[in-house]
Amino acid sequence: AAWQAAKALGYRRLITYTQDGESGA
């Protein structure tokens, strides 16, 4: 939903970070 909202606002890229030990599932 965050990516859909960012695109609707005209943004072309959405990023985030995970720390070592987090799976990113």
mmCIF file of all heavy atoms, coordinates in Angstrom:
data_MODEL
# 
_entry.id   MODEL 
# 
loop_
_atom_site.group_PDB 
_atom_site.id 
_atom_site.type_symbol 
_atom_site.label_atom_id 
_atom_site.label_alt_id 
_atom_site.label_comp_id 
_atom_site.label_asym_id 
_atom_site.label_entity_id 
_atom_site.label_seq_id 
_atom_site.pdbx_PDB_ins_code 
_atom_site.Cartn_x 
_atom_site.Cartn_y 
_atom_site.Cartn_z 
_atom_site.occupancy 
_atom_site.B_iso_or_equiv 
_atom_site.pdbx_formal_charge 
_atom_site.auth_seq_id 
_atom_site.auth_comp_id 
_atom_site.auth_asym_id 
_atom_site.auth_atom_id 
_atom_site.pdbx_PDB_model_num 
ATOM 1   N N   . ALA A 1 1  ? 0.831  -1.208  0.000   1.00 0.00 ? 1  ALA A N   1 
ATOM 2   C CA  . ALA A 1 1  ? 0.000  0.000   0.000   1.00 0.00 ? 1  ALA A CA  1 
ATOM 3   C C   . ALA A 1 1  ? 0.866  1.259   0.000   1.00 0.00 ? 1  ALA A C   1 
ATOM 4   O O   . ALA A 1 1  ? 0.523  2.260   -0.643  1.00 0.00 ? 1  ALA A O   1 
ATOM 5   C CB  . ALA A 1 1  ? -0.925 -0.010  1.213   1.00 0.00 ? 1  ALA A CB  1 
ATOM 6   N N   . ALA A 1 2  ? 1.996  1.205   0.697   1.00 0.00 ? 2  ALA A N   1 
ATOM 7   C CA  . ALA A 1 2  ? 2.908  2.355   0.721   1.00 0.00 ? 2  ALA A CA  1 
ATOM 8   C C   . ALA A 1 2  ? 3.429  2.649   -0.679  1.00 0.00 ? 2  ALA A C   1 
ATOM 9   O O   . ALA A 1 2  ? 3.504  3.808   -1.096  1.00 0.00 ? 2  ALA A O   1 
ATOM 10  C CB  . ALA A 1 2  ? 4.068  2.078   1.676   1.00 0.00 ? 2  ALA A CB  1 
ATOM 11  N N   . TRP A 1 3  ? 3.765  1.602   -1.426  1.00 0.00 ? 3  TRP A N   1 
ATOM 12  C CA  . TRP A 1 3  ? 4.273  1.796   -2.780  1.00 0.00 ? 3  TRP A CA  1 
ATOM 13  C C   . TRP A 1 3  ? 3.175  2.345   -3.686  1.00 0.00 ? 3  TRP A C   1 
ATOM 14  O O   . TRP A 1 3  ? 3.408  3.233   -4.496  1.00 0.00 ? 3  TRP A O   1 
ATOM 15  C CB  . TRP A 1 3  ? 4.853  0.492   -3.308  1.00 0.00 ? 3  TRP A CB  1 
ATOM 16  C CG  . TRP A 1 3  ? 5.382  0.527   -4.699  1.00 0.00 ? 3  TRP A CG  1 
ATOM 17  C CD1 . TRP A 1 3  ? 5.200  -0.429  -5.653  1.00 0.00 ? 3  TRP A CD1 1 
ATOM 18  C CD2 . TRP A 1 3  ? 6.191  1.535   -5.329  1.00 0.00 ? 3  TRP A CD2 1 
ATOM 19  N NE1 . TRP A 1 3  ? 5.840  -0.081  -6.818  1.00 0.00 ? 3  TRP A NE1 1 
ATOM 20  C CE2 . TRP A 1 3  ? 6.464  1.127   -6.651  1.00 0.00 ? 3  TRP A CE2 1 
ATOM 21  C CE3 . TRP A 1 3  ? 6.714  2.741   -4.905  1.00 0.00 ? 3  TRP A CE3 1 
ATOM 22  C CZ2 . TRP A 1 3  ? 7.211  1.877   -7.544  1.00 0.00 ? 3  TRP A CZ2 1 
ATOM 23  C CZ3 . TRP A 1 3  ? 7.468  3.508   -5.789  1.00 0.00 ? 3  TRP A CZ3 1 
ATOM 24  C CH2 . TRP A 1 3  ? 7.709  3.079   -7.092  1.00 0.00 ? 3  TRP A CH2 1 
ATOM 25  N N   . GLN A 1 4  ? 1.954  1.834   -3.557  1.00 0.00 ? 4  GLN A N   1 
ATOM 26  C CA  . GLN A 1 4  ? 0.842  2.341   -4.363  1.00 0.00 ? 4  GLN A CA  1 
ATOM 27  C C   . GLN A 1 4  ? 0.586  3.822   -4.063  1.00 0.00 ? 4  GLN A C   1 
ATOM 28  O O   . GLN A 1 4  ? 0.366  4.622   -4.978  1.00 0.00 ? 4  GLN A O   1 
ATOM 29  C CB  . GLN A 1 4  ? -0.428 1.522   -4.107  1.00 0.00 ? 4  GLN A CB  1 
ATOM 30  C CG  . GLN A 1 4  ? -0.342 0.094   -4.604  1.00 0.00 ? 4  GLN A CG  1 
ATOM 31  C CD  . GLN A 1 4  ? -0.020 -0.010  -6.082  1.00 0.00 ? 4  GLN A CD  1 
ATOM 32  O OE1 . GLN A 1 4  ? -0.608 0.684   -6.899  1.00 0.00 ? 4  GLN A OE1 1 
ATOM 33  N NE2 . GLN A 1 4  ? 0.940  -0.853  -6.420  1.00 0.00 ? 4  GLN A NE2 1 
ATOM 34  N N   . ALA A 1 5  ? 0.629  4.198   -2.796  1.00 0.00 ? 5  ALA A N   1 
ATOM 35  C CA  . ALA A 1 5  ? 0.412  5.594   -2.411  1.00 0.00 ? 5  ALA A CA  1 
ATOM 36  C C   . ALA A 1 5  ? 1.533  6.488   -2.932  1.00 0.00 ? 5  ALA A C   1 
ATOM 37  O O   . ALA A 1 5  ? 1.282  7.589   -3.435  1.00 0.00 ? 5  ALA A O   1 
ATOM 38  C CB  . ALA A 1 5  ? 0.306  5.704   -0.890  1.00 0.00 ? 5  ALA A CB  1 
ATOM 39  N N   . ALA A 1 6  ? 2.779  6.022   -2.821  1.00 0.00 ? 6  ALA A N   1 
ATOM 40  C CA  . ALA A 1 6  ? 3.925  6.811   -3.307  1.00 0.00 ? 6  ALA A CA  1 
ATOM 41  C C   . ALA A 1 6  ? 3.810  7.042   -4.813  1.00 0.00 ? 6  ALA A C   1 
ATOM 42  O O   . ALA A 1 6  ? 4.030  8.159   -5.295  1.00 0.00 ? 6  ALA A O   1 
ATOM 43  C CB  . ALA A 1 6  ? 5.237  6.104   -2.964  1.00 0.00 ? 6  ALA A CB  1 
ATOM 44  N N   . LYS A 1 7  ? 3.456  5.996   -5.562  1.00 0.00 ? 7  LYS A N   1 
ATOM 45  C CA  . LYS A 1 7  ? 3.294  6.147   -7.016  1.00 0.00 ? 7  LYS A CA  1 
ATOM 46  C C   . LYS A 1 7  ? 2.159  7.116   -7.346  1.00 0.00 ? 7  LYS A C   1 
ATOM 47  O O   . LYS A 1 7  ? 2.283  7.940   -8.245  1.00 0.00 ? 7  LYS A O   1 
ATOM 48  C CB  . LYS A 1 7  ? 3.036  4.791   -7.673  1.00 0.00 ? 7  LYS A CB  1 
ATOM 49  C CG  . LYS A 1 7  ? 4.254  3.905   -7.757  1.00 0.00 ? 7  LYS A CG  1 
ATOM 50  C CD  . LYS A 1 7  ? 4.029  2.706   -8.649  1.00 0.00 ? 7  LYS A CD  1 
ATOM 51  C CE  . LYS A 1 7  ? 2.991  1.777   -8.084  1.00 0.00 ? 7  LYS A CE  1 
ATOM 52  N NZ  . LYS A 1 7  ? 2.890  0.503   -8.839  1.00 0.00 ? 7  LYS A NZ  1 
ATOM 53  N N   . ALA A 1 8  ? 1.051  7.040   -6.590  1.00 0.00 ? 8  ALA A N   1 
ATOM 54  C CA  . ALA A 1 8  ? -0.086 7.925   -6.829  1.00 0.00 ? 8  ALA A CA  1 
ATOM 55  C C   . ALA A 1 8  ? 0.284  9.384   -6.595  1.00 0.00 ? 8  ALA A C   1 
ATOM 56  O O   . ALA A 1 8  ? -0.294 10.283  -7.213  1.00 0.00 ? 8  ALA A O   1 
ATOM 57  C CB  . ALA A 1 8  ? -1.259 7.526   -5.935  1.00 0.00 ? 8  ALA A CB  1 
ATOM 58  N N   . LEU A 1 9  ? 1.262  9.619   -5.716  1.00 0.00 ? 9  LEU A N   1 
ATOM 59  C CA  . LEU A 1 9  ? 1.730  10.980  -5.440  1.00 0.00 ? 9  LEU A CA  1 
ATOM 60  C C   . LEU A 1 9  ? 2.817  11.437  -6.410  1.00 0.00 ? 9  LEU A C   1 
ATOM 61  O O   . LEU A 1 9  ? 3.333  12.541  -6.287  1.00 0.00 ? 9  LEU A O   1 
ATOM 62  C CB  . LEU A 1 9  ? 2.244  11.070  -4.005  1.00 0.00 ? 9  LEU A CB  1 
ATOM 63  C CG  . LEU A 1 9  ? 1.164  10.948  -2.925  1.00 0.00 ? 9  LEU A CG  1 
ATOM 64  C CD1 . LEU A 1 9  ? 1.807  10.792  -1.549  1.00 0.00 ? 9  LEU A CD1 1 
ATOM 65  C CD2 . LEU A 1 9  ? 0.227  12.146  -2.966  1.00 0.00 ? 9  LEU A CD2 1 
ATOM 66  N N   . GLY A 1 10 ? 3.191  10.567  -7.351  1.00 0.00 ? 10 GLY A N   1 
ATOM 67  C CA  . GLY A 1 10 ? 4.164  10.943  -8.369  1.00 0.00 ? 10 GLY A CA  1 
ATOM 68  C C   . GLY A 1 10 ? 5.597  10.543  -8.085  1.00 0.00 ? 10 GLY A C   1 
ATOM 69  O O   . GLY A 1 10 ? 6.495  10.894  -8.845  1.00 0.00 ? 10 GLY A O   1 
ATOM 70  N N   . TYR A 1 11 ? 5.826  9.789   -7.012  1.00 0.00 ? 11 TYR A N   1 
ATOM 71  C CA  . TYR A 1 11 ? 7.185  9.338   -6.714  1.00 0.00 ? 11 TYR A CA  1 
ATOM 72  C C   . TYR A 1 11 ? 7.511  8.119   -7.565  1.00 0.00 ? 11 TYR A C   1 
ATOM 73  O O   . TYR A 1 11 ? 6.644  7.327   -7.913  1.00 0.00 ? 11 TYR A O   1 
ATOM 74  C CB  . TYR A 1 11 ? 7.340  9.029   -5.223  1.00 0.00 ? 11 TYR A CB  1 
ATOM 75  C CG  . TYR A 1 11 ? 7.300  10.282  -4.396  1.00 0.00 ? 11 TYR A CG  1 
ATOM 76  C CD1 . TYR A 1 11 ? 6.108  10.755  -3.867  1.00 0.00 ? 11 TYR A CD1 1 
ATOM 77  C CD2 . TYR A 1 11 ? 8.454  11.021  -4.190  1.00 0.00 ? 11 TYR A CD2 1 
ATOM 78  C CE1 . TYR A 1 11 ? 6.062  11.926  -3.136  1.00 0.00 ? 11 TYR A CE1 1 
ATOM 79  C CE2 . TYR A 1 11 ? 8.414  12.195  -3.458  1.00 0.00 ? 11 TYR A CE2 1 
ATOM 80  C CZ  . TYR A 1 11 ? 7.225  12.639  -2.933  1.00 0.00 ? 11 TYR A CZ  1 
ATOM 81  O OH  . TYR A 1 11 ? 7.191  13.808  -2.215  1.00 0.00 ? 11 TYR A OH  1 
ATOM 82  N N   . ARG A 1 12 ? 8.767  7.980   -7.917  1.00 0.00 ? 12 ARG A N   1 
ATOM 83  C CA  . ARG A 1 12 ? 9.205  6.886   -8.787  1.00 0.00 ? 12 ARG A CA  1 
ATOM 84  C C   . ARG A 1 12 ? 9.962  5.791   -8.043  1.00 0.00 ? 12 ARG A C   1 
ATOM 85  O O   . ARG A 1 12 ? 10.282 4.752   -8.635  1.00 0.00 ? 12 ARG A O   1 
ATOM 86  C CB  . ARG A 1 12 ? 10.079 7.447   -9.913  1.00 0.00 ? 12 ARG A CB  1 
ATOM 87  C CG  . ARG A 1 12 ? 9.306  8.386   -10.836 1.00 0.00 ? 12 ARG A CG  1 
ATOM 88  C CD  . ARG A 1 12 ? 10.105 8.804   -12.052 1.00 0.00 ? 12 ARG A CD  1 
ATOM 89  N NE  . ARG A 1 12 ? 11.416 9.367   -11.736 1.00 0.00 ? 12 ARG A NE  1 
ATOM 90  C CZ  . ARG A 1 12 ? 11.651 10.665  -11.551 1.00 0.00 ? 12 ARG A CZ  1 
ATOM 91  N NH1 . ARG A 1 12 ? 10.686 11.539  -11.629 1.00 0.00 ? 12 ARG A NH1 1 
ATOM 92  N NH2 . ARG A 1 12 ? 12.872 11.094  -11.276 1.00 0.00 ? 12 ARG A NH2 1 
ATOM 93  N N   . ARG A 1 13 ? 10.264 6.025   -6.779  1.00 0.00 ? 13 ARG A N   1 
ATOM 94  C CA  . ARG A 1 13 ? 11.079 5.053   -6.044  1.00 0.00 ? 13 ARG A CA  1 
ATOM 95  C C   . ARG A 1 13 ? 10.681 5.066   -4.572  1.00 0.00 ? 13 ARG A C   1 
ATOM 96  O O   . ARG A 1 13 ? 10.454 6.123   -3.995  1.00 0.00 ? 13 ARG A O   1 
ATOM 97  C CB  . ARG A 1 13 ? 12.545 5.431   -6.193  1.00 0.00 ? 13 ARG A CB  1 
ATOM 98  C CG  . ARG A 1 13 ? 13.512 4.421   -5.672  1.00 0.00 ? 13 ARG A CG  1 
ATOM 99  C CD  . ARG A 1 13 ? 14.925 4.828   -6.052  1.00 0.00 ? 13 ARG A CD  1 
ATOM 100 N NE  . ARG A 1 13 ? 15.860 3.821   -5.624  1.00 0.00 ? 13 ARG A NE  1 
ATOM 101 C CZ  . ARG A 1 13 ? 17.077 4.066   -5.204  1.00 0.00 ? 13 ARG A CZ  1 
ATOM 102 N NH1 . ARG A 1 13 ? 17.531 5.310   -5.165  1.00 0.00 ? 13 ARG A NH1 1 
ATOM 103 N NH2 . ARG A 1 13 ? 17.871 3.093   -4.830  1.00 0.00 ? 13 ARG A NH2 1 
ATOM 104 N N   . LEU A 1 14 ? 10.622 3.870   -3.958  1.00 0.00 ? 14 LEU A N   1 
ATOM 105 C CA  . LEU A 1 14 ? 10.365 3.725   -2.529  1.00 0.00 ? 14 LEU A CA  1 
ATOM 106 C C   . LEU A 1 14 ? 11.378 2.734   -1.981  1.00 0.00 ? 14 LEU A C   1 
ATOM 107 O O   . LEU A 1 14 ? 11.564 1.652   -2.552  1.00 0.00 ? 14 LEU A O   1 
ATOM 108 C CB  . LEU A 1 14 ? 8.934  3.229   -2.289  1.00 0.00 ? 14 LEU A CB  1 
ATOM 109 C CG  . LEU A 1 14 ? 8.483  3.131   -0.838  1.00 0.00 ? 14 LEU A CG  1 
ATOM 110 C CD1 . LEU A 1 14 ? 8.492  4.509   -0.166  1.00 0.00 ? 14 LEU A CD1 1 
ATOM 111 C CD2 . LEU A 1 14 ? 7.086  2.528   -0.752  1.00 0.00 ? 14 LEU A CD2 1 
ATOM 112 N N   . ILE A 1 15 ? 12.047 3.119   -0.915  1.00 0.00 ? 15 ILE A N   1 
ATOM 113 C CA  . ILE A 1 15 ? 13.099 2.294   -0.335  1.00 0.00 ? 15 ILE A CA  1 
ATOM 114 C C   . ILE A 1 15 ? 12.843 2.074   1.152   1.00 0.00 ? 15 ILE A C   1 
ATOM 115 O O   . ILE A 1 15 ? 12.042 2.773   1.769   1.00 0.00 ? 15 ILE A O   1 
ATOM 116 C CB  . ILE A 1 15 ? 14.499 2.937   -0.508  1.00 0.00 ? 15 ILE A CB  1 
ATOM 117 C CG1 . ILE A 1 15 ? 14.562 4.300   0.189   1.00 0.00 ? 15 ILE A CG1 1 
ATOM 118 C CG2 . ILE A 1 15 ? 14.859 3.045   -1.984  1.00 0.00 ? 15 ILE A CG2 1 
ATOM 119 C CD1 . ILE A 1 15 ? 15.957 4.883   0.304   1.00 0.00 ? 15 ILE A CD1 1 
ATOM 120 N N   . THR A 1 16 ? 13.543 1.110   1.717   1.00 0.00 ? 16 THR A N   1 
ATOM 121 C CA  . THR A 1 16 ? 13.574 0.890   3.152   1.00 0.00 ? 16 THR A CA  1 
ATOM 122 C C   . THR A 1 16 ? 14.806 0.052   3.468   1.00 0.00 ? 16 THR A C   1 
ATOM 123 O O   . THR A 1 16 ? 15.502 -0.427  2.567   1.00 0.00 ? 16 THR A O   1 
ATOM 124 C CB  . THR A 1 16 ? 12.286 0.208   3.661   1.00 0.00 ? 16 THR A CB  1 
ATOM 125 O OG1 . THR A 1 16 ? 12.222 0.338   5.089   1.00 0.00 ? 16 THR A OG1 1 
ATOM 126 C CG2 . THR A 1 16 ? 12.231 -1.260  3.282   1.00 0.00 ? 16 THR A CG2 1 
ATOM 127 N N   . TYR A 1 17 ? 15.078 -0.109  4.738   1.00 0.00 ? 17 TYR A N   1 
ATOM 128 C CA  . TYR A 1 17 ? 16.231 -0.891  5.193   1.00 0.00 ? 17 TYR A CA  1 
ATOM 129 C C   . TYR A 1 17 ? 15.772 -1.961  6.161   1.00 0.00 ? 17 TYR A C   1 
ATOM 130 O O   . TYR A 1 17 ? 14.790 -1.779  6.889   1.00 0.00 ? 17 TYR A O   1 
ATOM 131 C CB  . TYR A 1 17 ? 17.235 0.004   5.935   1.00 0.00 ? 17 TYR A CB  1 
ATOM 132 C CG  . TYR A 1 17 ? 17.906 1.036   5.067   1.00 0.00 ? 17 TYR A CG  1 
ATOM 133 C CD1 . TYR A 1 17 ? 17.345 2.285   4.894   1.00 0.00 ? 17 TYR A CD1 1 
ATOM 134 C CD2 . TYR A 1 17 ? 19.103 0.759   4.420   1.00 0.00 ? 17 TYR A CD2 1 
ATOM 135 C CE1 . TYR A 1 17 ? 17.955 3.252   4.099   1.00 0.00 ? 17 TYR A CE1 1 
ATOM 136 C CE2 . TYR A 1 17 ? 19.717 1.711   3.624   1.00 0.00 ? 17 TYR A CE2 1 
ATOM 137 C CZ  . TYR A 1 17 ? 19.141 2.944   3.474   1.00 0.00 ? 17 TYR A CZ  1 
ATOM 138 O OH  . TYR A 1 17 ? 19.753 3.886   2.678   1.00 0.00 ? 17 TYR A OH  1 
ATOM 139 N N   . THR A 1 18 ? 16.506 -3.083  6.186   1.00 0.00 ? 18 THR A N   1 
ATOM 140 C CA  . THR A 1 18 ? 16.374 -4.061  7.255   1.00 0.00 ? 18 THR A CA  1 
ATOM 141 C C   . THR A 1 18 ? 17.738 -4.216  7.898   1.00 0.00 ? 18 THR A C   1 
ATOM 142 O O   . THR A 1 18 ? 18.770 -4.048  7.242   1.00 0.00 ? 18 THR A O   1 
ATOM 143 C CB  . THR A 1 18 ? 15.902 -5.443  6.746   1.00 0.00 ? 18 THR A CB  1 
ATOM 144 O OG1 . THR A 1 18 ? 16.788 -5.903  5.734   1.00 0.00 ? 18 THR A OG1 1 
ATOM 145 C CG2 . THR A 1 18 ? 14.478 -5.378  6.223   1.00 0.00 ? 18 THR A CG2 1 
ATOM 146 N N   . GLN A 1 19 ? 17.720 -4.506  9.179   1.00 0.00 ? 19 GLN A N   1 
ATOM 147 C CA  . GLN A 1 19 ? 18.971 -4.735  9.896   1.00 0.00 ? 19 GLN A CA  1 
ATOM 148 C C   . GLN A 1 19 ? 19.390 -6.184  9.759   1.00 0.00 ? 19 GLN A C   1 
ATOM 149 O O   . GLN A 1 19 ? 18.554 -7.072  9.509   1.00 0.00 ? 19 GLN A O   1 
ATOM 150 C CB  . GLN A 1 19 ? 18.815 -4.384  11.373  1.00 0.00 ? 19 GLN A CB  1 
ATOM 151 C CG  . GLN A 1 19 ? 18.603 -2.922  11.615  1.00 0.00 ? 19 GLN A CG  1 
ATOM 152 C CD  . GLN A 1 19 ? 18.570 -2.593  13.092  1.00 0.00 ? 19 GLN A CD  1 
ATOM 153 O OE1 . GLN A 1 19 ? 18.548 -3.486  13.943  1.00 0.00 ? 19 GLN A OE1 1 
ATOM 154 N NE2 . GLN A 1 19 ? 18.572 -1.321  13.419  1.00 0.00 ? 19 GLN A NE2 1 
ATOM 155 N N   . ASP A 1 20 ? 20.681 -6.414  9.941   1.00 0.00 ? 20 ASP A N   1 
ATOM 156 C CA  . ASP A 1 20 ? 21.213 -7.770  9.918   1.00 0.00 ? 20 ASP A CA  1 
ATOM 157 C C   . ASP A 1 20 ? 20.441 -8.607  10.929  1.00 0.00 ? 20 ASP A C   1 
ATOM 158 O O   . ASP A 1 20 ? 20.221 -8.185  12.055  1.00 0.00 ? 20 ASP A O   1 
ATOM 159 C CB  . ASP A 1 20 ? 22.703 -7.738  10.265  1.00 0.00 ? 20 ASP A CB  1 
ATOM 160 C CG  . ASP A 1 20 ? 23.377 -9.070  10.045  1.00 0.00 ? 20 ASP A CG  1 
ATOM 161 O OD1 . ASP A 1 20 ? 22.984 -9.788  9.108   1.00 0.00 ? 20 ASP A OD1 1 
ATOM 162 O OD2 . ASP A 1 20 ? 24.307 -9.392  10.806  1.00 0.00 ? 20 ASP A OD2 1 
ATOM 163 N N   . GLY A 1 21 ? 19.992 -9.762  10.516  1.00 0.00 ? 21 GLY A N   1 
ATOM 164 C CA  . GLY A 1 21 ? 19.235 -10.631 11.404  1.00 0.00 ? 21 GLY A CA  1 
ATOM 165 C C   . GLY A 1 21 ? 17.736 -10.582 11.157  1.00 0.00 ? 21 GLY A C   1 
ATOM 166 O O   . GLY A 1 21 ? 17.003 -11.440 11.628  1.00 0.00 ? 21 GLY A O   1 
ATOM 167 N N   . GLU A 1 22 ? 17.252 -9.573  10.431  1.00 0.00 ? 22 GLU A N   1 
ATOM 168 C CA  . GLU A 1 22 ? 15.843 -9.516  10.068  1.00 0.00 ? 22 GLU A CA  1 
ATOM 169 C C   . GLU A 1 22 ? 15.670 -10.230 8.733   1.00 0.00 ? 22 GLU A C   1 
ATOM 170 O O   . GLU A 1 22 ? 16.484 -10.072 7.824   1.00 0.00 ? 22 GLU A O   1 
ATOM 171 C CB  . GLU A 1 22 ? 15.369 -8.068  9.950   1.00 0.00 ? 22 GLU A CB  1 
ATOM 172 C CG  . GLU A 1 22 ? 15.402 -7.329  11.268  1.00 0.00 ? 22 GLU A CG  1 
ATOM 173 C CD  . GLU A 1 22 ? 15.036 -5.862  11.143  1.00 0.00 ? 22 GLU A CD  1 
ATOM 174 O OE1 . GLU A 1 22 ? 15.205 -5.278  10.061  1.00 0.00 ? 22 GLU A OE1 1 
ATOM 175 O OE2 . GLU A 1 22 ? 14.574 -5.309  12.143  1.00 0.00 ? 22 GLU A OE2 1 
ATOM 176 N N   . SER A 1 23 ? 14.603 -11.002 8.604   1.00 0.00 ? 23 SER A N   1 
ATOM 177 C CA  . SER A 1 23 ? 14.462 -11.859 7.418   1.00 0.00 ? 23 SER A CA  1 
ATOM 178 C C   . SER A 1 23 ? 14.046 -11.103 6.158   1.00 0.00 ? 23 SER A C   1 
ATOM 179 O O   . SER A 1 23 ? 14.367 -11.536 5.058   1.00 0.00 ? 23 SER A O   1 
ATOM 180 C CB  . SER A 1 23 ? 13.432 -12.957 7.698   1.00 0.00 ? 23 SER A CB  1 
ATOM 181 O OG  . SER A 1 23 ? 12.123 -12.413 7.740   1.00 0.00 ? 23 SER A OG  1 
ATOM 182 N N   . GLY A 1 24 ? 13.278 -10.041 6.292   1.00 0.00 ? 24 GLY A N   1 
ATOM 183 C CA  . GLY A 1 24 ? 12.779 -9.341  5.117   1.00 0.00 ? 24 GLY A CA  1 
ATOM 184 C C   . GLY A 1 24 ? 11.629 -10.066 4.439   1.00 0.00 ? 24 GLY A C   1 
ATOM 185 O O   . GLY A 1 24 ? 11.276 -9.753  3.303   1.00 0.00 ? 24 GLY A O   1 
ATOM 186 N N   . ALA A 1 25 ? 11.009 -11.024 5.131   1.00 0.00 ? 25 ALA A N   1 
ATOM 187 C CA  . ALA A 1 25 ? 9.931  -11.812 4.533   1.00 0.00 ? 25 ALA A CA  1 
ATOM 188 C C   . ALA A 1 25 ? 8.759  -10.939 4.091   1.00 0.00 ? 25 ALA A C   1 
ATOM 189 O O   . ALA A 1 25 ? 8.167  -11.174 3.032   1.00 0.00 ? 25 ALA A O   1 
ATOM 190 C CB  . ALA A 1 25 ? 9.445  -12.878 5.515   1.00 0.00 ? 25 ALA A CB  1 
# 
